[in-house]
Amino acid sequence: MANDYSDRRRMGGDDEAGDRLGAAEVAAENIAWRKRSKRRVCKFCVEKVATIDYKDVNLLRYFLSDRGKIVPPRVTGACAKHQRMIRTAIARGRMIALVPFTTTGS
């Protein structure tokens, strides 16, 4: 059974070129694992939120990075409809100085 590829890989194997996993195989395993990960759901759809209020600063700060950029929906899990509402609310909050345009600089 020592000649089986998976056993050689697990036990350290020989120093032959075909024994170790290449970069392509490792990348394929990582991609397969990521595709199996659980998809994030829009918390506004779950809670059936009709509107996102620009005056709710604590909620809007969740969707801003530490530098003041709007976090993309692939990170937050927001659907397209609610991501547009978030963007509009942040823009309105910035106009009346509730949410910062940026956190760096002087």
Foldseek 3Di string as FASTA:
>chain_A
DCPDLVNCQVVVHDPDPPNYDDPVRVVVVVVVVVVPDDQAAAPCVVVVPPADALLPLVVLVVQADLFGHGHDCSVVVHDPVVSVRSVVSPVVNCVVVNGPNTDDDD
